[in-house]
Amino acid sequence: LIAEADGTLAGYTCFDRIPLSEVSFDLYWIAVAQESRGTGLALELMHRTAAFAKRKRGLWLFAETSSRPPYAPARAFYRKAGFEEVSRFDDFYAAGDAKVTFRLKL
């Protein structure tokens, strides 16, 4: 899904059904242009993405990110959007850098 402002891309999500799953979707990317941050656009895109997946018989939307400090805003965003942390794989990306998985009930 995309969002435009004055004909310019302001944000997008990239997602799809998880292969071999009938009810689960992966959120691959959510991005909002710097000038659109703090406007609620990211939450709006997330709500639209969740609604789309739910219309396609989705029950779950998954997102993953790193445990490193630069990714703290992403983890906070997922929690704010209603996701819960469901797994953490230590030393996944590198020593001391865990893969953190979040899940949203649709």
Protein backbone atom coordinates (compact mmCIF):
# COMPACT_ATOMS: atom_id res chain seq x y z
CA LEU A 1 0.00 0.00 0.00
CA ILE A 2 1.18 3.53 -0.65
CA ALA A 3 0.35 7.00 0.63
CA GLU A 4 0.99 10.15 -1.37
CA ALA A 5 1.11 13.79 -0.40
CA ASP A 6 0.94 16.37 -3.19
CA GLY A 7 1.79 13.69 -5.75
CA THR A 8 4.88 12.56 -3.85
CA LEU A 9 5.33 9.20 -2.14
CA ALA A 10 4.89 9.82 1.60
CA GLY A 11 4.96 6.22 2.83
CA TYR A 12 4.30 2.60 2.00
CA THR A 13 3.98 -0.91 3.32
CA CYS A 14 5.18 -4.08 1.64
CA PHE A 15 3.54 -7.29 2.86
CA ASP A 16 2.28 -10.65 1.68
CA ARG A 17 0.82 -13.91 2.85
CA ILE A 18 3.46 -16.17 4.38
CA PRO A 19 4.13 -19.07 1.99
CA LEU A 20 2.25 -22.25 2.96
CA SER A 21 0.08 -20.34 5.47
CA GLU A 22 -3.62 -19.78 4.94
CA VAL A 23 -3.99 -17.16 7.68
CA SER A 24 -0.65 -15.41 8.35
CA PHE A 25 0.94 -12.40 6.64
CA ASP A 26 4.46 -10.97 6.89
CA LEU A 27 5.04 -7.23 7.00
CA TYR A 28 8.29 -6.87 5.10
CA TRP A 29 8.58 -3.08 5.19
CA ILE A 30 6.82 -0.02 6.49
CA ALA A 31 8.40 3.29 5.61
CA VAL A 32 7.35 6.91 5.96
CA ALA A 33 9.19 9.89 4.47
CA GLN A 34 11.04 11.99 7.02
CA GLU A 35 8.76 14.98 6.44
CA SER A 36 5.67 12.82 7.13
CA ARG A 37 6.90 11.37 10.42
CA GLY A 38 4.91 12.30 13.49
CA THR A 39 1.73 12.84 11.46
CA GLY A 40 0.09 9.47 12.20
CA LEU A 41 0.70 8.27 8.66
CA ALA A 42 2.59 5.15 9.76
CA LEU A 43 -0.29 4.06 12.01
CA GLU A 44 -2.78 4.78 9.23
CA LEU A 45 -0.75 2.66 6.81
CA MET A 46 -0.53 -0.11 9.41
CA HIS A 47 -4.31 -0.06 9.96
CA ARG A 48 -4.92 -0.16 6.20
CA THR A 49 -2.45 -3.04 5.81
CA ALA A 50 -4.07 -5.01 8.64
CA ALA A 51 -7.54 -4.41 7.19
CA PHE A 52 -6.41 -5.61 3.76
CA ALA A 53 -4.85 -8.78 5.18
CA LYS A 54 -7.97 -9.45 7.24
CA ARG A 55 -10.16 -9.15 4.12
CA LYS A 56 -7.93 -11.83 2.57
CA ARG A 57 -8.78 -14.23 5.46
CA GLY A 58 -5.72 -13.24 7.45
CA LEU A 59 -5.70 -13.81 11.19
CA TRP A 60 -2.15 -12.67 11.95
CA LEU A 61 0.33 -10.06 10.75
CA PHE A 62 3.98 -10.63 11.68
CA ALA A 63 6.86 -8.15 11.72
CA GLU A 64 10.47 -8.60 12.71
CA THR A 65 13.32 -6.30 13.57
CA SER A 66 16.67 -6.13 15.30
CA SER A 67 17.23 -5.83 19.04
CA ARG A 68 19.98 -3.20 18.56
CA PRO A 69 19.40 0.30 19.99
CA PRO A 70 18.94 1.99 16.57
CA TYR A 71 15.84 -0.20 16.08
CA ALA A 72 14.19 0.82 19.36
CA PRO A 73 11.84 3.22 17.51
CA ALA A 74 10.67 0.36 15.27
CA ARG A 75 9.98 -1.87 18.27
CA ALA A 76 8.13 0.96 20.01
CA PHE A 77 6.07 1.58 16.87
CA TYR A 78 5.01 -2.07 16.60
CA ARG A 79 3.91 -2.05 20.24
CA LYS A 80 2.01 1.21 19.73
CA ALA A 81 0.29 -0.33 16.69
CA GLY A 82 -0.95 -3.24 18.83
CA PHE A 83 1.66 -5.88 18.08
CA GLU A 84 2.99 -8.15 20.82
CA GLU A 85 6.50 -9.55 20.97
CA VAL A 86 6.26 -13.30 20.39
CA SER A 87 9.85 -14.42 19.86
CA ARG A 88 13.44 -13.36 20.26
CA PHE A 89 16.33 -15.24 18.67
CA ASP A 90 19.57 -14.22 20.36
CA ASP A 91 22.67 -13.64 18.25
CA PHE A 92 20.62 -13.96 15.04
CA TYR A 93 22.00 -11.10 12.94
CA ALA A 94 25.31 -10.89 14.81
CA ALA A 95 26.66 -11.59 18.28
CA GLY A 96 24.49 -9.55 20.64
CA ASP A 97 21.93 -8.72 17.94
CA ALA A 98 18.70 -10.65 18.32
CA LYS A 99 15.90 -11.06 15.81
CA VAL A 100 12.69 -9.84 17.50
CA THR A 101 9.37 -11.00 16.07
CA PHE A 102 6.07 -9.23 16.68
CA ARG A 103 2.53 -10.45 15.97
CA LEU A 104 -0.71 -8.55 15.47
CA LYS A 105 -4.10 -10.27 15.80
CA LEU A 106 -6.25 -9.16 12.87
